[in-house]
Amino acid sequence: GIRVIPGTFGWNDVGSWAALPAMRP
């Protein structure tokens, strides 16, 4: 009975250095 609420909120896992452009202009 697990439930989920979907959303779009600018989530970034910061999984590698390639994610930096999503965090800084």
PDB file of all heavy atoms in Angstrom:
ATOM      1  N   GLY A   1       0.775  -1.232   0.000  1.00  0.00           N
ATOM      2  CA  GLY A   1       0.000   0.000   0.000  1.00  0.00           C
ATOM      3  C   GLY A   1       0.806   1.282   0.000  1.00  0.00           C
ATOM      4  O   GLY A   1       0.381   2.281   0.579  1.00  0.00           O
ATOM      5  N   ILE A   2       1.959   1.300  -0.660  1.00  0.00           N
ATOM      6  CA  ILE A   2       2.747   2.529  -0.726  1.00  0.00           C
ATOM      7  C   ILE A   2       2.148   3.456  -1.782  1.00  0.00           C
ATOM      8  O   ILE A   2       1.721   3.017  -2.856  1.00  0.00           O
ATOM      9  CB  ILE A   2       4.225   2.216  -1.042  1.00  0.00           C
ATOM     10  CG1 ILE A   2       4.813   1.366   0.078  1.00  0.00           C
ATOM     11  CG2 ILE A   2       5.024   3.498  -1.207  1.00  0.00           C
ATOM     12  CD1 ILE A   2       6.281   1.046  -0.097  1.00  0.00           C
ATOM     13  N   ARG A   3       2.129   4.734  -1.468  1.00  0.00           N
ATOM     14  CA  ARG A   3       1.561   5.731  -2.368  1.00  0.00           C
ATOM     15  C   ARG A   3       2.649   6.719  -2.805  1.00  0.00           C
ATOM     16  O   ARG A   3       3.652   6.884  -2.120  1.00  0.00           O
ATOM     17  CB  ARG A   3       0.420   6.481  -1.679  1.00  0.00           C
ATOM     18  CG  ARG A   3      -0.725   5.565  -1.271  1.00  0.00           C
ATOM     19  CD  ARG A   3      -1.790   6.295  -0.473  1.00  0.00           C
ATOM     20  NE  ARG A   3      -2.835   5.374  -0.032  1.00  0.00           N
ATOM     21  CZ  ARG A   3      -3.865   5.716   0.735  1.00  0.00           C
ATOM     22  NH1 ARG A   3      -4.003   6.979   1.132  1.00  0.00           N
ATOM     23  NH2 ARG A   3      -4.756   4.822   1.099  1.00  0.00           N
ATOM     24  N   VAL A   4       2.401   7.376  -3.919  1.00  0.00           N
ATOM     25  CA  VAL A   4       3.364   8.342  -4.450  1.00  0.00           C
ATOM     26  C   VAL A   4       2.641   9.607  -4.878  1.00  0.00           C
ATOM     27  O   VAL A   4       1.532   9.549  -5.424  1.00  0.00           O
ATOM     28  CB  VAL A   4       4.174   7.755  -5.628  1.00  0.00           C
ATOM     29  CG1 VAL A   4       3.281   7.340  -6.789  1.00  0.00           C
ATOM     30  CG2 VAL A   4       5.247   8.729  -6.092  1.00  0.00           C
ATOM     31  N   ILE A   5       3.271  10.733  -4.607  1.00  0.00           N
ATOM     32  CA  ILE A   5       2.794  12.026  -5.094  1.00  0.00           C
ATOM     33  C   ILE A   5       3.812  12.526  -6.110  1.00  0.00           C
ATOM     34  O   ILE A   5       4.959  12.798  -5.748  1.00  0.00           O
ATOM     35  CB  ILE A   5       2.642  13.040  -3.948  1.00  0.00           C
ATOM     36  CG1 ILE A   5       1.692  12.499  -2.881  1.00  0.00           C
ATOM     37  CG2 ILE A   5       2.147  14.382  -4.478  1.00  0.00           C
ATOM     38  CD1 ILE A   5       1.547  13.409  -1.672  1.00  0.00           C
ATOM     39  N   PRO A   6       3.445  12.610  -7.390  1.00  0.00           N
ATOM     40  CA  PRO A   6       4.400  13.070  -8.402  1.00  0.00           C
ATOM     41  C   PRO A   6       4.572  14.584  -8.337  1.00  0.00           C
ATOM     42  O   PRO A   6       3.653  15.320  -7.956  1.00  0.00           O
ATOM     43  CB  PRO A   6       3.756  12.658  -9.730  1.00  0.00           C
ATOM     44  CG  PRO A   6       2.595  11.785  -9.371  1.00  0.00           C
ATOM     45  CD  PRO A   6       2.188  12.169  -7.997  1.00  0.00           C
ATOM     46  N   GLY A   7       5.746  15.031  -8.739  1.00  0.00           N
ATOM     47  CA  GLY A   7       5.955  16.465  -8.772  1.00  0.00           C
ATOM     48  C   GLY A   7       7.136  16.858  -9.634  1.00  0.00           C
ATOM     49  O   GLY A   7       8.026  16.052  -9.917  1.00  0.00           O
ATOM     50  N   THR A   8       7.137  18.109 -10.044  1.00  0.00           N
ATOM     51  CA  THR A   8       8.252  18.708 -10.758  1.00  0.00           C
ATOM     52  C   THR A   8       8.696  19.911  -9.935  1.00  0.00           C
ATOM     53  O   THR A   8       7.935  20.870  -9.776  1.00  0.00           O
ATOM     54  CB  THR A   8       7.830  19.160 -12.165  1.00  0.00           C
ATOM     55  OG1 THR A   8       7.342  18.026 -12.888  1.00  0.00           O
ATOM     56  CG2 THR A   8       9.003  19.773 -12.915  1.00  0.00           C
ATOM     57  N   PHE A   9       9.903  19.839  -9.374  1.00  0.00           N
ATOM     58  CA  PHE A   9      10.335  20.890  -8.458  1.00  0.00           C
ATOM     59  C   PHE A   9      11.839  21.171  -8.578  1.00  0.00           C
ATOM     60  O   PHE A   9      12.482  21.590  -7.631  1.00  0.00           O
ATOM     61  CB  PHE A   9       9.968  20.533  -7.013  1.00  0.00           C
ATOM     62  CG  PHE A   9      10.333  19.122  -6.595  1.00  0.00           C
ATOM     63  CD1 PHE A   9      11.516  18.856  -5.931  1.00  0.00           C
ATOM     64  CD2 PHE A   9       9.473  18.074  -6.870  1.00  0.00           C
ATOM     65  CE1 PHE A   9      11.843  17.560  -5.544  1.00  0.00           C
ATOM     66  CE2 PHE A   9       9.787  16.771  -6.489  1.00  0.00           C
ATOM     67  CZ  PHE A   9      10.981  16.518  -5.827  1.00  0.00           C
ATOM     68  N   GLY A  10      12.387  20.899  -9.753  1.00  0.00           N
ATOM     69  CA  GLY A  10      13.799  21.193  -9.965  1.00  0.00           C
ATOM     70  C   GLY A  10      14.717  20.307  -9.151  1.00  0.00           C
ATOM     71  O   GLY A  10      15.780  20.757  -8.695  1.00  0.00           O
ATOM     72  N   TRP A  11      14.333  19.036  -9.002  1.00  0.00           N
ATOM     73  CA  TRP A  11      15.139  18.078  -8.236  1.00  0.00           C
ATOM     74  C   TRP A  11      16.363  17.654  -9.035  1.00  0.00           C
ATOM     75  O   TRP A  11      16.271  17.358 -10.227  1.00  0.00           O
ATOM     76  CB  TRP A  11      14.281  16.858  -7.912  1.00  0.00           C
ATOM     77  CG  TRP A  11      14.960  15.747  -7.171  1.00  0.00           C
ATOM     78  CD1 TRP A  11      15.136  15.647  -5.828  1.00  0.00           C
ATOM     79  CD2 TRP A  11      15.508  14.536  -7.727  1.00  0.00           C
ATOM     80  NE1 TRP A  11      15.761  14.462  -5.509  1.00  0.00           N
ATOM     81  CE2 TRP A  11      16.003  13.776  -6.661  1.00  0.00           C
ATOM     82  CE3 TRP A  11      15.623  14.053  -9.030  1.00  0.00           C
ATOM     83  CZ2 TRP A  11      16.598  12.528  -6.846  1.00  0.00           C
ATOM     84  CZ3 TRP A  11      16.226  12.823  -9.228  1.00  0.00           C
ATOM     85  CH2 TRP A  11      16.704  12.069  -8.148  1.00  0.00           C
ATOM     86  N   ASN A  12      17.506  17.649  -8.381  1.00  0.00           N
ATOM     87  CA  ASN A  12      18.739  17.199  -9.016  1.00  0.00           C
ATOM     88  C   ASN A  12      19.520  16.375  -8.010  1.00  0.00           C
ATOM     89  O   ASN A  12      19.856  16.853  -6.912  1.00  0.00           O
ATOM     90  CB  ASN A  12      19.576  18.405  -9.476  1.00  0.00           C
ATOM     91  CG  ASN A  12      20.744  18.007 -10.368  1.00  0.00           C
ATOM     92  OD1 ASN A  12      21.509  17.110 -10.041  1.00  0.00           O
ATOM     93  ND2 ASN A  12      20.891  18.689 -11.494  1.00  0.00           N
ATOM     94  N   ASP A  13      19.800  15.152  -8.353  1.00  0.00           N
ATOM     95  CA  ASP A  13      20.501  14.220  -7.475  1.00  0.00           C
ATOM     96  C   ASP A  13      21.974  14.586  -7.293  1.00  0.00           C
ATOM     97  O   ASP A  13      22.638  14.059  -6.409  1.00  0.00           O
ATOM     98  CB  ASP A  13      20.381  12.811  -8.055  1.00  0.00           C
ATOM     99  CG  ASP A  13      21.024  11.761  -7.167  1.00  0.00           C
ATOM    100  OD1 ASP A  13      20.752  11.764  -5.961  1.00  0.00           O
ATOM    101  OD2 ASP A  13      21.809  10.944  -7.679  1.00  0.00           O
ATOM    102  N   VAL A  14      22.485  15.485  -8.108  1.00  0.00           N
ATOM    103  CA  VAL A  14      23.907  15.886  -8.075  1.00  0.00           C
ATOM    104  C   VAL A  14      24.773  14.624  -8.102  1.00  0.00           C
ATOM    105  O   VAL A  14      25.638  14.422  -7.258  1.00  0.00           O
ATOM    106  CB  VAL A  14      24.242  16.774  -6.863  1.00  0.00           C
ATOM    107  CG1 VAL A  14      25.551  17.502  -7.109  1.00  0.00           C
ATOM    108  CG2 VAL A  14      23.139  17.778  -6.582  1.00  0.00           C
ATOM    109  N   GLY A  15      24.485  13.778  -9.095  1.00  0.00           N
ATOM    110  CA  GLY A  15      25.146  12.485  -9.158  1.00  0.00           C
ATOM    111  C   GLY A  15      26.536  12.501  -9.750  1.00  0.00           C
ATOM    112  O   GLY A  15      27.244  11.501  -9.685  1.00  0.00           O
ATOM    113  N   SER A  16      26.955  13.616 -10.314  1.00  0.00           N
ATOM    114  CA  SER A  16      28.300  13.713 -10.872  1.00  0.00           C
ATOM    115  C   SER A  16      28.600  15.182 -11.133  1.00  0.00           C
ATOM    116  O   SER A  16      27.728  16.056 -11.012  1.00  0.00           O
ATOM    117  CB  SER A  16      28.418  12.915 -12.175  1.00  0.00           C
ATOM    118  OG  SER A  16      27.762  13.598 -13.230  1.00  0.00           O
ATOM    119  N   TRP A  17      29.838  15.470 -11.537  1.00  0.00           N
ATOM    120  CA  TRP A  17      30.213  16.842 -11.869  1.00  0.00           C
ATOM    121  C   TRP A  17      29.427  17.363 -13.069  1.00  0.00           C
ATOM    122  O   TRP A  17      29.267  18.577 -13.237  1.00  0.00           O
ATOM    123  CB  TRP A  17      31.706  16.921 -12.134  1.00  0.00           C
ATOM    124  CG  TRP A  17      32.526  16.844 -10.886  1.00  0.00           C
ATOM    125  CD1 TRP A  17      33.313  15.810 -10.480  1.00  0.00           C
ATOM    126  CD2 TRP A  17      32.628  17.845  -9.861  1.00  0.00           C
ATOM    127  NE1 TRP A  17      33.893  16.093  -9.268  1.00  0.00           N
ATOM    128  CE2 TRP A  17      33.498  17.336  -8.869  1.00  0.00           C
ATOM    129  CE3 TRP A  17      32.072  19.113  -9.683  1.00  0.00           C
ATOM    130  CZ2 TRP A  17      33.815  18.056  -7.726  1.00  0.00           C
ATOM    131  CZ3 TRP A  17      32.388  19.825  -8.541  1.00  0.00           C
ATOM    132  CH2 TRP A  17      33.245  19.304  -7.586  1.00  0.00           C
ATOM    133  N   ALA A  18      28.909  16.471 -13.881  1.00  0.00           N
ATOM    134  CA  ALA A  18      28.129  16.908 -15.036  1.00  0.00           C
ATOM    135  C   ALA A  18      26.827  17.584 -14.633  1.00  0.00           C
ATOM    136  O   ALA A  18      26.183  18.239 -15.461  1.00  0.00           O
ATOM    137  CB  ALA A  18      27.837  15.714 -15.952  1.00  0.00           C
ATOM    138  N   ALA A  19      26.421  17.456 -13.359  1.00  0.00           N
ATOM    139  CA  ALA A  19      25.182  18.083 -12.891  1.00  0.00           C
ATOM    140  C   ALA A  19      25.360  19.557 -12.560  1.00  0.00           C
ATOM    141  O   ALA A  19      24.374  20.270 -12.362  1.00  0.00           O
ATOM    142  CB  ALA A  19      24.673  17.350 -11.646  1.00  0.00           C
ATOM    143  N   LEU A  20      26.586  20.043 -12.494  1.00  0.00           N
ATOM    144  CA  LEU A  20      26.807  21.408 -12.028  1.00  0.00           C
ATOM    145  C   LEU A  20      26.091  22.474 -12.869  1.00  0.00           C
ATOM    146  O   LEU A  20      25.573  23.453 -12.309  1.00  0.00           O
ATOM    147  CB  LEU A  20      28.310  21.697 -11.959  1.00  0.00           C
ATOM    148  CG  LEU A  20      28.739  22.681 -10.853  1.00  0.00           C
ATOM    149  CD1 LEU A  20      28.353  22.154  -9.485  1.00  0.00           C
ATOM    150  CD2 LEU A  20      30.234  22.942 -10.918  1.00  0.00           C
ATOM    151  N   PRO A  21      26.009  22.343 -14.199  1.00  0.00           N
ATOM    152  CA  PRO A  21      25.301  23.362 -14.971  1.00  0.00           C
ATOM    153  C   PRO A  21      23.819  23.503 -14.621  1.00  0.00           C
ATOM    154  O   PRO A  21      23.214  24.532 -14.918  1.00  0.00           O
ATOM    155  CB  PRO A  21      25.488  22.893 -16.418  1.00  0.00           C
ATOM    156  CG  PRO A  21      26.759  22.126 -16.402  1.00  0.00           C
ATOM    157  CD  PRO A  21      26.757  21.417 -15.080  1.00  0.00           C
ATOM    158  N   ALA A  22      23.234  22.495 -13.991  1.00  0.00           N
ATOM    159  CA  ALA A  22      21.843  22.612 -13.550  1.00  0.00           C
ATOM    160  C   ALA A  22      21.721  23.391 -12.250  1.00  0.00           C
ATOM    161  O   ALA A  22      20.621  23.776 -11.861  1.00  0.00           O
ATOM    162  CB  ALA A  22      21.231  21.221 -13.367  1.00  0.00           C
ATOM    163  N   MET A  23      22.856  23.638 -11.582  1.00  0.00           N
ATOM    164  CA  MET A  23      22.855  24.301 -10.287  1.00  0.00           C
ATOM    165  C   MET A  23      23.435  25.709 -10.347  1.00  0.00           C
ATOM    166  O   MET A  23      23.155  26.532  -9.479  1.00  0.00           O
ATOM    167  CB  MET A  23      23.659  23.464  -9.294  1.00  0.00           C
ATOM    168  CG  MET A  23      23.149  22.049  -9.131  1.00  0.00           C
ATOM    169  SD  MET A  23      24.259  21.022  -8.160  1.00  0.00           S
ATOM    170  CE  MET A  23      24.202  21.865  -6.584  1.00  0.00           C
ATOM    171  N   ARG A  24      24.243  25.974 -11.343  1.00  0.00           N
ATOM    172  CA  ARG A  24      24.869  27.293 -11.498  1.00  0.00           C
ATOM    173  C   ARG A  24      24.676  27.770 -12.932  1.00  0.00           C
ATOM    174  O   ARG A  24      24.707  26.954 -13.857  1.00  0.00           O
ATOM    175  CB  ARG A  24      26.373  27.223 -11.181  1.00  0.00           C
ATOM    176  CG  ARG A  24      26.686  27.043  -9.703  1.00  0.00           C
ATOM    177  CD  ARG A  24      28.184  26.948  -9.487  1.00  0.00           C
ATOM    178  NE  ARG A  24      28.541  26.874  -8.090  1.00  0.00           N
ATOM    179  CZ  ARG A  24      28.918  27.904  -7.342  1.00  0.00           C
ATOM    180  NH1 ARG A  24      28.986  29.112  -7.898  1.00  0.00           N
ATOM    181  NH2 ARG A  24      29.241  27.748  -6.080  1.00  0.00           N
ATOM    182  N   PRO A  25      24.503  29.057 -13.134  1.00  0.00           N
ATOM    183  CA  PRO A  25      24.293  29.536 -14.499  1.00  0.00           C
ATOM    184  C   PRO A  25      25.517  29.318 -15.379  1.00  0.00           C
ATOM    185  O   PRO A  25      26.652  29.563 -14.964  1.00  0.00           O
ATOM    186  CB  PRO A  25      24.013  31.031 -14.298  1.00  0.00           C
ATOM    187  CG  PRO A  25      24.578  31.364 -12.960  1.00  0.00           C
ATOM    188  CD  PRO A  25      24.447  30.133 -12.134  1.00  0.00           C
TER     189      PRO A  25
END
